[in-house]
Amino acid sequence: MPQEFSYEIVEEIAVLSTNPKEWTKELNLVSWNGRPPKFDLRDWAPGHEKMGKGITLTNEEFEELVKTIKEM
């Protein structure tokens, strides 16, 4: 049986790209199931009613990613 979940986009940070079907790859702060928000990178359908697979990062993980990118 599929488990239900909830989400709230707390802050829309950036739209990185849009595909021909108008889905957007976005970086947002998202609260999943009422938990504290995390950085979230995934594809979203117009209006955020559907989503693709993505990744979530804690503040510490996001800071490490930013640091790594800057060092490249």
Protein backbone atom coordinates (compact mmCIF):
# COMPACT_ATOMS: atom_id res chain seq x y z
CA MET A 1 0.00 0.00 0.00
CA PRO A 2 1.50 3.39 -0.97
CA GLN A 3 2.33 5.60 1.95
CA GLU A 4 0.89 9.10 1.87
CA PHE A 5 3.16 12.09 2.32
CA SER A 6 2.89 15.84 2.36
CA TYR A 7 5.17 18.60 1.20
CA GLU A 8 5.34 22.37 1.35
CA ILE A 9 7.65 24.44 -0.80
CA VAL A 10 8.87 26.91 1.81
CA GLU A 11 11.09 28.91 -0.58
CA GLU A 12 11.53 28.77 -4.34
CA ILE A 13 15.25 29.42 -4.86
CA ALA A 14 15.94 28.86 -8.58
CA VAL A 15 14.57 27.38 -11.79
CA LEU A 16 17.56 25.77 -13.48
CA SER A 17 15.89 24.61 -16.71
CA THR A 18 12.59 23.91 -18.45
CA ASN A 19 11.97 20.92 -20.69
CA PRO A 20 9.65 20.75 -23.76
CA LYS A 21 6.79 19.45 -21.59
CA GLU A 22 7.12 22.60 -19.41
CA TRP A 23 8.46 20.67 -16.41
CA THR A 24 11.11 22.66 -14.55
CA LYS A 25 14.22 21.53 -12.71
CA GLU A 26 14.19 23.56 -9.51
CA LEU A 27 16.19 24.16 -6.36
CA ASN A 28 13.83 24.83 -3.48
CA LEU A 29 13.57 24.61 0.29
CA VAL A 30 10.94 21.93 0.92
CA SER A 31 9.38 20.65 4.12
CA TRP A 32 8.49 16.94 3.78
CA ASN A 33 5.83 15.53 6.12
CA GLY A 34 5.99 18.58 8.37
CA ARG A 35 9.71 18.20 9.05
CA PRO A 36 12.21 21.09 8.92
CA PRO A 37 12.84 22.19 5.33
CA LYS A 38 15.76 20.82 3.32
CA PHE A 39 17.34 21.91 0.07
CA ASP A 40 15.61 19.96 -2.69
CA LEU A 41 16.62 19.53 -6.34
CA ARG A 42 14.08 17.86 -8.66
CA ASP A 43 11.81 18.21 -11.68
CA TRP A 44 8.36 19.72 -11.11
CA ALA A 45 5.27 19.80 -13.30
CA PRO A 46 3.66 23.20 -13.89
CA GLY A 47 1.91 24.32 -10.71
CA HIS A 48 3.97 21.89 -8.58
CA GLU A 49 1.16 19.30 -8.63
CA LYS A 50 3.50 16.48 -9.72
CA MET A 51 7.20 15.86 -9.16
CA GLY A 52 10.00 13.71 -10.46
CA LYS A 53 12.70 11.95 -8.51
CA GLY A 54 15.15 14.24 -6.81
CA ILE A 55 17.57 14.69 -3.97
CA THR A 56 17.35 16.49 -0.65
CA LEU A 57 20.26 17.98 1.23
CA THR A 58 20.61 19.16 4.81
CA ASN A 59 22.14 22.60 5.41
CA GLU A 60 25.49 20.97 6.12
CA GLU A 61 25.37 18.85 2.94
CA PHE A 62 24.38 21.88 0.88
CA GLU A 63 27.25 23.94 2.32
CA GLU A 64 29.70 21.13 1.47
CA LEU A 65 28.32 20.93 -2.08
CA VAL A 66 28.70 24.70 -2.55
CA LYS A 67 32.26 24.54 -1.17
CA THR A 68 33.12 21.68 -3.53
CA ILE A 69 31.70 23.47 -6.57
CA LYS A 70 33.62 26.65 -5.75
CA GLU A 71 36.86 24.64 -5.57
CA MET A 72 36.37 23.13 -9.03
